[in-house]
Amino acid sequence: MTENDVTATPIAGQALGAMLSDAVIMFHEAVAARRNLSAADHKALGIIERNGPMTASELAKHTGLTAGAITGLVDRLIAAGYVSREHDRADRRRVILSASGEQASDVLEAFAALSASQSDFADRYTPDEAAAIVDWVTRISHDLAEQTRRLGTRSVSPGDPREPDYSREPGEGASRPDVSAQ
């Protein structure tokens, strides 16, 4: 499928979605490999880096993974030196996971290059078009989160903390891009 093949049909939408999904997954696999991590481990590390220190159960809620899967994932991140475990000073029974803060320069360069290239083609759109794109990406992201929960082994009620919060400010988790200045 090329850019010119996109038409407003369900089949074209499915092909476009598959193309985007494949590209995103392969990009994150490549970035994760530079850190000697799996894509899932890298994404979990990103959750800790964006949201700040948290417990393993909080990380499990963000990812939808089971306690056993989170334990193995956290052990790998600690062994690789990306995360540390510390007892909560206020409640020594709680164990807090924190990102080490050290990021490989080639990983930072990969995201900087991606950001620059996306900014270049984002400038092609009017504010209304950009707002429509933001709406589409946000709706798709929420739908993917819902479908992920649906596929999970546990039932999830609306408003569950595993739902990504796209309304947060940068530094407080994932956020919706501001297109009003474009």
N, C-alpha and C. Protein backbone atom coordinates (compact mmCIF):
# COMPACT_ATOMS: atom_id res chain seq x y z
N MET A 1 0.84 -1.18 0.00
CA MET A 1 0.00 0.00 0.00
C MET A 1 0.89 1.24 0.00
N THR A 2 0.58 2.16 -0.85
CA THR A 2 1.31 3.43 -0.89
C THR A 2 0.39 4.54 -0.44
N GLU A 3 0.97 5.75 -0.25
CA GLU A 3 0.16 6.90 0.16
C GLU A 3 -1.02 7.13 -0.77
N ASN A 4 -0.82 6.90 -2.06
CA ASN A 4 -1.86 7.17 -3.05
C ASN A 4 -2.95 6.11 -3.09
N ASP A 5 -2.74 4.95 -2.41
CA ASP A 5 -3.71 3.88 -2.42
C ASP A 5 -4.79 4.04 -1.36
N VAL A 6 -4.66 5.02 -0.49
CA VAL A 6 -5.59 5.18 0.63
C VAL A 6 -6.91 5.73 0.13
N THR A 7 -7.96 4.97 0.36
CA THR A 7 -9.32 5.43 0.05
C THR A 7 -10.17 5.18 1.28
N ALA A 8 -11.34 5.76 1.31
CA ALA A 8 -12.21 5.67 2.48
C ALA A 8 -13.03 4.39 2.45
N THR A 9 -12.38 3.24 2.50
CA THR A 9 -13.07 1.97 2.58
C THR A 9 -12.57 1.22 3.80
N PRO A 10 -13.38 0.31 4.34
CA PRO A 10 -12.91 -0.47 5.50
C PRO A 10 -11.65 -1.25 5.20
N ILE A 11 -11.53 -1.80 3.98
CA ILE A 11 -10.35 -2.58 3.62
C ILE A 11 -9.12 -1.67 3.62
N ALA A 12 -9.24 -0.48 3.05
CA ALA A 12 -8.11 0.46 3.04
C ALA A 12 -7.77 0.88 4.45
N GLY A 13 -8.78 1.09 5.28
CA GLY A 13 -8.54 1.45 6.68
C GLY A 13 -7.80 0.36 7.42
N GLN A 14 -8.17 -0.90 7.18
CA GLN A 14 -7.48 -2.02 7.80
C GLN A 14 -6.03 -2.10 7.34
N ALA A 15 -5.81 -1.91 6.05
CA ALA A 15 -4.45 -1.95 5.51
C ALA A 15 -3.62 -0.81 6.08
N LEU A 16 -4.22 0.37 6.18
CA LEU A 16 -3.51 1.53 6.74
C LEU A 16 -3.18 1.27 8.20
N GLY A 17 -4.13 0.74 8.95
CA GLY A 17 -3.90 0.42 10.36
C GLY A 17 -2.79 -0.61 10.52
N ALA A 18 -2.80 -1.63 9.68
CA ALA A 18 -1.75 -2.66 9.75
C ALA A 18 -0.39 -2.07 9.41
N MET A 19 -0.36 -1.21 8.39
CA MET A 19 0.90 -0.59 7.99
C MET A 19 1.46 0.26 9.14
N LEU A 20 0.60 1.07 9.77
CA LEU A 20 1.03 1.90 10.90
C LEU A 20 1.47 1.05 12.08
N SER A 21 0.68 0.05 12.41
CA SER A 21 1.01 -0.84 13.53
C SER A 21 2.36 -1.52 13.32
N ASP A 22 2.56 -2.07 12.13
CA ASP A 22 3.83 -2.74 11.83
C ASP A 22 5.00 -1.77 11.97
N ALA A 23 4.85 -0.57 11.43
CA ALA A 23 5.94 0.41 11.48
C ALA A 23 6.26 0.81 12.92
N VAL A 24 5.24 1.03 13.73
CA VAL A 24 5.45 1.43 15.13
C VAL A 24 6.13 0.30 15.90
N ILE A 25 5.63 -0.91 15.73
CA ILE A 25 6.21 -2.05 16.45
C ILE A 25 7.66 -2.27 16.04
N MET A 26 7.94 -2.21 14.74
CA MET A 26 9.31 -2.44 14.28
C MET A 26 10.25 -1.34 14.75
N PHE A 27 9.77 -0.09 14.78
CA PHE A 27 10.60 1.01 15.29
C PHE A 27 10.95 0.75 16.75
N HIS A 28 9.95 0.39 17.56
CA HIS A 28 10.20 0.17 18.98
C HIS A 28 11.05 -1.08 19.21
N GLU A 29 10.92 -2.08 18.38
CA GLU A 29 11.81 -3.24 18.47
C GLU A 29 13.26 -2.82 18.22
N ALA A 30 13.46 -1.98 17.21
CA ALA A 30 14.82 -1.53 16.88
C ALA A 30 15.40 -0.67 18.00
N VAL A 31 14.59 0.22 18.56
CA VAL A 31 15.06 1.06 19.67
C VAL A 31 15.36 0.19 20.88
N ALA A 32 14.47 -0.74 21.19
CA ALA A 32 14.68 -1.62 22.34
C ALA A 32 15.95 -2.44 22.18
N ALA A 33 16.21 -2.91 20.97
CA ALA A 33 17.40 -3.71 20.72
C ALA A 33 18.68 -2.93 21.04
N ARG A 34 18.65 -1.63 20.83
CA ARG A 34 19.82 -0.81 21.16
C ARG A 34 20.07 -0.76 22.66
N ARG A 35 19.05 -1.05 23.44
CA ARG A 35 19.17 -1.11 24.90
C ARG A 35 19.27 -2.56 25.38
N ASN A 36 19.35 -3.49 24.45
CA ASN A 36 19.35 -4.92 24.77
C ASN A 36 18.10 -5.33 25.55
N LEU A 37 16.95 -4.78 25.13
CA LEU A 37 15.67 -5.09 25.75
C LEU A 37 14.71 -5.58 24.68
N SER A 38 13.62 -6.21 25.13
CA SER A 38 12.52 -6.50 24.22
C SER A 38 11.69 -5.23 24.08
N ALA A 39 10.84 -5.19 23.09
CA ALA A 39 9.98 -4.02 22.92
C ALA A 39 9.06 -3.85 24.12
N ALA A 40 8.55 -4.95 24.67
CA ALA A 40 7.66 -4.87 25.84
C ALA A 40 8.42 -4.30 27.05
N ASP A 41 9.64 -4.76 27.27
CA ASP A 41 10.44 -4.23 28.38
C ASP A 41 10.73 -2.75 28.17
N HIS A 42 11.05 -2.39 26.94
CA HIS A 42 11.35 -0.99 26.63
C HIS A 42 10.13 -0.10 26.86
N LYS A 43 8.95 -0.56 26.43
CA LYS A 43 7.73 0.22 26.63
C LYS A 43 7.42 0.36 28.13
N ALA A 44 7.63 -0.70 28.90
CA ALA A 44 7.40 -0.62 30.35
C ALA A 44 8.38 0.37 30.99
N LEU A 45 9.63 0.35 30.54
CA LEU A 45 10.61 1.32 31.03
C LEU A 45 10.14 2.73 30.69
N GLY A 46 9.61 2.92 29.51
CA GLY A 46 9.10 4.23 29.12
C GLY A 46 7.97 4.69 30.03
N ILE A 47 7.11 3.77 30.45
CA ILE A 47 6.02 4.11 31.37
C ILE A 47 6.60 4.63 32.69
N ILE A 48 7.61 3.95 33.20
CA ILE A 48 8.25 4.39 34.45
C ILE A 48 8.93 5.73 34.25
N GLU A 49 9.63 5.90 33.12
CA GLU A 49 10.33 7.17 32.86
C GLU A 49 9.35 8.33 32.75
N ARG A 50 8.21 8.13 32.09
CA ARG A 50 7.24 9.21 31.90
C ARG A 50 6.41 9.51 33.14
N ASN A 51 6.06 8.47 33.89
CA ASN A 51 5.15 8.63 35.03
C ASN A 51 5.86 8.77 36.36
N GLY A 52 7.15 8.47 36.39
CA GLY A 52 7.89 8.57 37.64
C GLY A 52 7.81 7.30 38.46
N PRO A 53 8.41 7.32 39.64
CA PRO A 53 8.46 6.13 40.49
C PRO A 53 7.07 5.55 40.75
N MET A 54 7.01 4.23 40.80
CA MET A 54 5.74 3.52 41.01
C MET A 54 6.02 2.13 41.54
N THR A 55 4.99 1.50 42.07
CA THR A 55 5.12 0.12 42.52
C THR A 55 4.98 -0.82 41.33
N ALA A 56 5.36 -2.07 41.53
CA ALA A 56 5.21 -3.07 40.47
C ALA A 56 3.73 -3.27 40.14
N SER A 57 2.86 -3.21 41.14
CA SER A 57 1.43 -3.39 40.84
C SER A 57 0.89 -2.21 40.04
N GLU A 58 1.41 -1.01 40.27
CA GLU A 58 1.00 0.14 39.46
C GLU A 58 1.47 -0.03 38.02
N LEU A 59 2.70 -0.53 37.85
CA LEU A 59 3.20 -0.80 36.50
C LEU A 59 2.35 -1.88 35.83
N ALA A 60 1.95 -2.88 36.58
CA ALA A 60 1.09 -3.93 36.03
C ALA A 60 -0.23 -3.34 35.56
N LYS A 61 -0.79 -2.40 36.31
CA LYS A 61 -2.05 -1.76 35.90
C LYS A 61 -1.85 -0.96 34.62
N HIS A 62 -0.71 -0.28 34.47
CA HIS A 62 -0.45 0.49 33.25
C HIS A 62 -0.29 -0.40 32.03
N THR A 63 0.30 -1.58 32.24
CA THR A 63 0.60 -2.46 31.10
C THR A 63 -0.46 -3.52 30.87
N GLY A 64 -1.23 -3.85 31.90
CA GLY A 64 -2.18 -4.94 31.80
C GLY A 64 -1.54 -6.30 31.99
N LEU A 65 -0.27 -6.34 32.37
CA LEU A 65 0.42 -7.61 32.58
C LEU A 65 0.08 -8.19 33.96
N THR A 66 0.25 -9.49 34.09
CA THR A 66 0.02 -10.16 35.37
C THR A 66 1.18 -9.87 36.32
N ALA A 67 0.97 -10.17 37.60
CA ALA A 67 2.01 -9.97 38.61
C ALA A 67 3.27 -10.78 38.26
N GLY A 68 3.08 -12.01 37.81
CA GLY A 68 4.23 -12.85 37.44
C GLY A 68 5.02 -12.28 36.27
N ALA A 69 4.29 -11.80 35.26
CA ALA A 69 4.97 -11.21 34.10
C ALA A 69 5.69 -9.93 34.49
N ILE A 70 5.08 -9.12 35.35
CA ILE A 70 5.72 -7.88 35.79
C ILE A 70 6.98 -8.18 36.59
N THR A 71 6.94 -9.20 37.43
CA THR A 71 8.12 -9.55 38.22
C THR A 71 9.30 -9.87 37.31
N GLY A 72 9.08 -10.69 36.30
CA GLY A 72 10.15 -11.02 35.36
C GLY A 72 10.63 -9.80 34.58
N LEU A 73 9.69 -8.98 34.14
CA LEU A 73 10.02 -7.77 33.39
C LEU A 73 10.87 -6.82 34.25
N VAL A 74 10.43 -6.59 35.50
CA VAL A 74 11.17 -5.70 36.40
C VAL A 74 12.55 -6.27 36.69
N ASP A 75 12.64 -7.57 36.91
CA ASP A 75 13.95 -8.20 37.15
C ASP A 75 14.89 -7.96 35.98
N ARG A 76 14.38 -8.05 34.76
CA ARG A 76 15.23 -7.80 33.57
C ARG A 76 15.67 -6.34 33.51
N LEU A 77 14.76 -5.41 33.80
CA LEU A 77 15.12 -3.98 33.78
C LEU A 77 16.14 -3.65 34.86
N ILE A 78 16.03 -4.28 36.00
CA ILE A 78 17.00 -4.06 37.08
C ILE A 78 18.35 -4.65 36.70
N ALA A 79 18.35 -5.88 36.16
CA ALA A 79 19.59 -6.53 35.75
C ALA A 79 20.31 -5.72 34.68
N ALA A 80 19.54 -5.06 33.81
CA ALA A 80 20.14 -4.24 32.75
C ALA A 80 20.57 -2.86 33.26
N GLY A 81 20.21 -2.53 34.49
CA GLY A 81 20.63 -1.25 35.08
C GLY A 81 19.72 -0.07 34.76
N TYR A 82 18.52 -0.33 34.24
CA TYR A 82 17.61 0.75 33.87
C TYR A 82 16.63 1.14 34.97
N VAL A 83 16.42 0.23 35.92
CA VAL A 83 15.46 0.46 36.99
C VAL A 83 16.07 0.01 38.31
N SER A 84 15.67 0.67 39.38
CA SER A 84 16.07 0.23 40.73
C SER A 84 14.83 0.02 41.58
N ARG A 85 14.97 -0.84 42.60
CA ARG A 85 13.91 -1.08 43.58
C ARG A 85 14.37 -0.45 44.89
N GLU A 86 13.50 0.31 45.51
CA GLU A 86 13.80 0.89 46.82
C GLU A 86 12.57 0.82 47.69
N HIS A 87 12.80 0.62 48.99
CA HIS A 87 11.67 0.62 49.92
C HIS A 87 11.17 2.04 50.08
N ASP A 88 9.85 2.17 50.13
CA ASP A 88 9.20 3.47 50.35
C ASP A 88 9.58 3.94 51.75
N ARG A 89 10.06 5.17 51.86
CA ARG A 89 10.48 5.70 53.16
C ARG A 89 9.30 5.81 54.14
N ALA A 90 8.12 6.09 53.60
CA ALA A 90 6.93 6.25 54.45
C ALA A 90 6.33 4.91 54.85
N ASP A 91 6.51 3.88 54.03
CA ASP A 91 5.94 2.56 54.30
C ASP A 91 6.93 1.53 53.78
N ARG A 92 7.76 1.01 54.67
CA ARG A 92 8.84 0.10 54.28
C ARG A 92 8.33 -1.18 53.63
N ARG A 93 7.03 -1.47 53.74
CA ARG A 93 6.48 -2.66 53.09
C ARG A 93 6.35 -2.46 51.59
N ARG A 94 6.20 -1.20 51.18
CA ARG A 94 6.05 -0.88 49.75
C ARG A 94 7.41 -0.81 49.08
N VAL A 95 7.49 -1.34 47.89
CA VAL A 95 8.72 -1.27 47.10
C VAL A 95 8.43 -0.40 45.88
N ILE A 96 9.28 0.59 45.68
CA ILE A 96 9.10 1.55 44.60
C ILE A 96 10.12 1.28 43.50
N LEU A 97 9.64 1.31 42.25
CA LEU A 97 10.51 1.18 41.08
C LEU A 97 10.81 2.57 40.55
N SER A 98 12.08 2.83 40.27
CA SER A 98 12.48 4.12 39.71
C SER A 98 13.40 3.88 38.53
N ALA A 99 13.25 4.70 37.50
CA ALA A 99 14.15 4.63 36.35
C ALA A 99 15.49 5.22 36.75
N SER A 100 16.56 4.66 36.22
CA SER A 100 17.90 5.14 36.56
C SER A 100 18.17 6.51 35.98
N GLY A 101 17.41 6.88 34.94
CA GLY A 101 17.61 8.19 34.31
C GLY A 101 18.66 8.18 33.22
N GLU A 102 19.40 7.09 33.13
CA GLU A 102 20.42 7.01 32.09
C GLU A 102 19.81 6.44 30.82
N GLN A 103 19.91 7.20 29.75
CA GLN A 103 19.42 6.71 28.47
C GLN A 103 20.58 6.72 27.49
N ALA A 104 20.65 5.68 26.70
CA ALA A 104 21.72 5.59 25.71
C ALA A 104 21.58 6.72 24.70
N SER A 105 22.70 7.33 24.36
CA SER A 105 22.66 8.47 23.45
C SER A 105 22.09 8.09 22.09
N ASP A 106 22.35 6.86 21.62
CA ASP A 106 21.80 6.47 20.32
C ASP A 106 20.28 6.31 20.37
N VAL A 107 19.74 5.96 21.54
CA VAL A 107 18.28 5.87 21.69
C VAL A 107 17.69 7.28 21.67
N LEU A 108 18.33 8.20 22.39
CA LEU A 108 17.87 9.58 22.37
C LEU A 108 17.94 10.16 20.96
N GLU A 109 19.00 9.83 20.24
CA GLU A 109 19.15 10.29 18.86
C GLU A 109 18.06 9.71 17.95
N ALA A 110 17.69 8.46 18.18
CA ALA A 110 16.65 7.82 17.36
C ALA A 110 15.32 8.55 17.55
N PHE A 111 14.99 8.88 18.79
CA PHE A 111 13.73 9.59 19.03
C PHE A 111 13.81 11.04 18.57
N ALA A 112 14.97 11.65 18.67
CA ALA A 112 15.12 13.02 18.16
C ALA A 112 14.95 13.05 16.65
N ALA A 113 15.53 12.07 15.97
CA ALA A 113 15.39 12.00 14.50
C ALA A 113 13.93 11.75 14.12
N LEU A 114 13.25 10.88 14.85
CA LEU A 114 11.84 10.61 14.58
C LEU A 114 11.01 11.87 14.80
N SER A 115 11.26 12.56 15.88
CA SER A 115 10.52 13.79 16.19
C SER A 115 10.73 14.84 15.11
N ALA A 116 11.97 14.99 14.67
CA ALA A 116 12.28 15.98 13.63
C ALA A 116 11.58 15.64 12.32
N SER A 117 11.62 14.36 11.93
CA SER A 117 10.99 14.00 10.66
C SER A 117 9.47 14.15 10.75
N GLN A 118 8.89 13.82 11.90
CA GLN A 118 7.45 13.98 12.05
C GLN A 118 7.04 15.44 12.09
N SER A 119 7.87 16.27 12.67
CA SER A 119 7.58 17.72 12.66
C SER A 119 7.61 18.26 11.24
N ASP A 120 8.54 17.77 10.44
CA ASP A 120 8.63 18.22 9.05
C ASP A 120 7.35 17.93 8.28
N PHE A 121 6.82 16.71 8.40
CA PHE A 121 5.61 16.45 7.62
C PHE A 121 4.35 16.91 8.33
N ALA A 122 4.39 17.14 9.63
CA ALA A 122 3.23 17.68 10.34
C ALA A 122 2.94 19.12 9.91
N ASP A 123 3.97 19.83 9.50
CA ASP A 123 3.80 21.21 9.05
C ASP A 123 2.98 21.32 7.76
N ARG A 124 2.75 20.20 7.09
CA ARG A 124 1.97 20.19 5.84
C ARG A 124 0.48 20.41 6.08
N TYR A 125 0.01 20.25 7.32
CA TYR A 125 -1.41 20.23 7.59
C TYR A 125 -1.90 21.55 8.19
N THR A 126 -3.12 21.90 7.84
CA THR A 126 -3.75 23.09 8.42
C THR A 126 -4.11 22.78 9.88
N PRO A 127 -4.40 23.80 10.69
CA PRO A 127 -4.81 23.52 12.07
C PRO A 127 -6.02 22.58 12.16
N ASP A 128 -6.99 22.75 11.26
CA ASP A 128 -8.16 21.86 11.27
C ASP A 128 -7.78 20.43 10.91
N GLU A 129 -6.91 20.27 9.92
CA GLU A 129 -6.46 18.93 9.56
C GLU A 129 -5.66 18.30 10.69
N ALA A 130 -4.79 19.10 11.31
CA ALA A 130 -4.00 18.60 12.43
C ALA A 130 -4.90 18.19 13.59
N ALA A 131 -5.93 18.97 13.86
CA ALA A 131 -6.88 18.62 14.93
C ALA A 131 -7.59 17.31 14.61
N ALA A 132 -7.94 17.09 13.34
CA ALA A 132 -8.59 15.83 12.94
C ALA A 132 -7.63 14.66 13.13
N ILE A 133 -6.37 14.86 12.81
CA ILE A 133 -5.37 13.80 12.98
C ILE A 133 -5.21 13.48 14.46
N VAL A 134 -5.12 14.51 15.30
CA VAL A 134 -5.00 14.30 16.74
C VAL A 134 -6.22 13.54 17.26
N ASP A 135 -7.40 13.93 16.80
CA ASP A 135 -8.63 13.24 17.21
C ASP A 135 -8.57 11.77 16.80
N TRP A 136 -8.18 11.50 15.57
CA TRP A 136 -8.11 10.13 15.07
C TRP A 136 -7.11 9.30 15.89
N VAL A 137 -5.91 9.84 16.10
CA VAL A 137 -4.89 9.10 16.85
C VAL A 137 -5.36 8.85 18.28
N THR A 138 -5.97 9.85 18.89
CA THR A 138 -6.47 9.70 20.26
C THR A 138 -7.55 8.63 20.32
N ARG A 139 -8.49 8.68 19.39
CA ARG A 139 -9.56 7.67 19.38
C ARG A 139 -9.01 6.27 19.13
N ILE A 140 -8.08 6.16 18.21
CA ILE A 140 -7.46 4.86 17.93
C ILE A 140 -6.71 4.37 19.17
N SER A 141 -5.99 5.25 19.83
CA SER A 141 -5.24 4.87 21.03
C SER A 141 -6.17 4.37 22.13
N HIS A 142 -7.27 5.08 22.34
CA HIS A 142 -8.25 4.65 23.35
C HIS A 142 -8.87 3.32 22.95
N ASP A 143 -9.18 3.14 21.66
CA ASP A 143 -9.75 1.89 21.20
C ASP A 143 -8.76 0.74 21.38
N LEU A 144 -7.49 0.99 21.07
CA LEU A 144 -6.48 -0.05 21.27
C LEU A 144 -6.38 -0.43 22.74
N ALA A 145 -6.42 0.57 23.63
CA ALA A 145 -6.37 0.29 25.07
C ALA A 145 -7.58 -0.56 25.48
N GLU A 146 -8.75 -0.22 24.96
CA GLU A 146 -9.97 -0.98 25.26
C GLU A 146 -9.87 -2.40 24.72
N GLN A 147 -9.39 -2.54 23.49
CA GLN A 147 -9.26 -3.88 22.90
C GLN A 147 -8.22 -4.70 23.66
N THR A 148 -7.16 -4.06 24.13
CA THR A 148 -6.14 -4.75 24.92
C THR A 148 -6.74 -5.26 26.22
N ARG A 149 -7.53 -4.41 26.89
CA ARG A 149 -8.20 -4.84 28.12
C ARG A 149 -9.16 -5.99 27.84
N ARG A 150 -9.89 -5.89 26.74
CA ARG A 150 -10.85 -6.94 26.38
C ARG A 150 -10.14 -8.28 26.19
N LEU A 151 -8.95 -8.24 25.62
CA LEU A 151 -8.19 -9.46 25.38
C LEU A 151 -7.52 -9.99 26.64
N GLY A 152 -7.38 -9.14 27.65
CA GLY A 152 -6.73 -9.54 28.90
C GLY A 152 -7.53 -10.59 29.64
N THR A 153 -6.89 -11.20 30.62
CA THR A 153 -7.53 -12.26 31.38
C THR A 153 -8.42 -11.70 32.48
N ARG A 154 -8.22 -10.46 32.89
CA ARG A 154 -9.03 -9.89 33.95
C ARG A 154 -10.07 -8.96 33.34
N SER A 155 -11.22 -8.89 33.97
CA SER A 155 -12.23 -7.94 33.50
C SER A 155 -11.86 -6.57 34.03
N VAL A 156 -12.14 -5.56 33.23
CA VAL A 156 -11.78 -4.19 33.57
C VAL A 156 -13.02 -3.33 33.46
N SER A 157 -13.21 -2.48 34.44
CA SER A 157 -14.36 -1.59 34.39
C SER A 157 -13.95 -0.25 33.80
N PRO A 158 -14.90 0.52 33.29
CA PRO A 158 -14.58 1.85 32.74
C PRO A 158 -13.86 2.70 33.78
N GLY A 159 -12.90 3.48 33.33
CA GLY A 159 -12.13 4.34 34.22
C GLY A 159 -10.98 3.63 34.91
N ASP A 160 -10.72 2.39 34.53
CA ASP A 160 -9.62 1.63 35.12
C ASP A 160 -8.31 2.37 34.89
N PRO A 161 -7.39 2.34 35.86
CA PRO A 161 -6.12 3.06 35.70
C PRO A 161 -5.24 2.54 34.57
N ARG A 162 -5.56 1.37 34.00
CA ARG A 162 -4.78 0.89 32.86
C ARG A 162 -5.09 1.67 31.60
N GLU A 163 -6.18 2.44 31.62
CA GLU A 163 -6.54 3.29 30.48
C GLU A 163 -5.53 4.42 30.39
N PRO A 164 -4.82 4.56 29.28
CA PRO A 164 -3.88 5.69 29.17
C PRO A 164 -4.63 7.00 29.31
N ASP A 165 -4.03 7.94 30.01
CA ASP A 165 -4.65 9.26 30.21
C ASP A 165 -3.99 10.24 29.26
N TYR A 166 -4.67 10.55 28.15
CA TYR A 166 -4.11 11.43 27.15
C TYR A 166 -4.36 12.90 27.47
N SER A 167 -4.99 13.17 28.60
CA SER A 167 -5.26 14.56 28.96
C SER A 167 -4.19 15.13 29.88
N ARG A 168 -3.25 14.31 30.33
CA ARG A 168 -2.21 14.77 31.24
C ARG A 168 -1.24 15.72 30.55
N GLU A 169 -0.60 16.54 31.37
CA GLU A 169 0.45 17.43 30.86
C GLU A 169 1.72 16.63 30.63
N PRO A 170 2.60 17.08 29.71
CA PRO A 170 3.87 16.38 29.51
C PRO A 170 4.61 16.26 30.85
N GLY A 171 5.24 15.10 31.05
CA GLY A 171 5.93 14.84 32.29
C GLY A 171 5.03 14.15 33.30
N GLU A 172 3.72 14.14 33.06
CA GLU A 172 2.78 13.45 33.94
C GLU A 172 2.22 12.23 33.25
N GLY A 173 2.81 11.80 32.19
CA GLY A 173 2.30 10.67 31.43
C GLY A 173 2.03 11.08 30.01
N ALA A 174 1.40 10.19 29.27
CA ALA A 174 1.11 10.48 27.86
C ALA A 174 0.17 11.67 27.74
N SER A 175 0.35 12.47 26.74
CA SER A 175 -0.53 13.62 26.56
C SER A 175 -0.90 13.78 25.11
N ARG A 176 -1.98 14.49 24.89
CA ARG A 176 -2.39 14.79 23.52
C ARG A 176 -1.56 15.95 23.03
N PRO A 177 -1.08 15.88 21.81
CA PRO A 177 -0.31 17.00 21.26
C PRO A 177 -1.16 18.26 21.15
N ASP A 178 -0.54 19.40 21.34
CA ASP A 178 -1.24 20.67 21.20
C ASP A 178 -1.11 21.12 19.76
N VAL A 179 -2.22 21.16 19.05
CA VAL A 179 -2.18 21.55 17.65
C VAL A 179 -2.70 22.96 17.47
N SER A 180 -3.08 23.62 18.55
CA SER A 180 -3.66 24.95 18.43
C SER A 180 -2.67 25.99 17.91
N ALA A 181 -1.38 25.77 18.13
CA ALA A 181 -0.37 26.73 17.69
C ALA A 181 0.07 26.50 16.26
N GLN A 182 -0.44 25.45 15.62
CA GLN A 182 0.01 25.14 14.26
C GLN A 182 -0.75 25.93 13.23
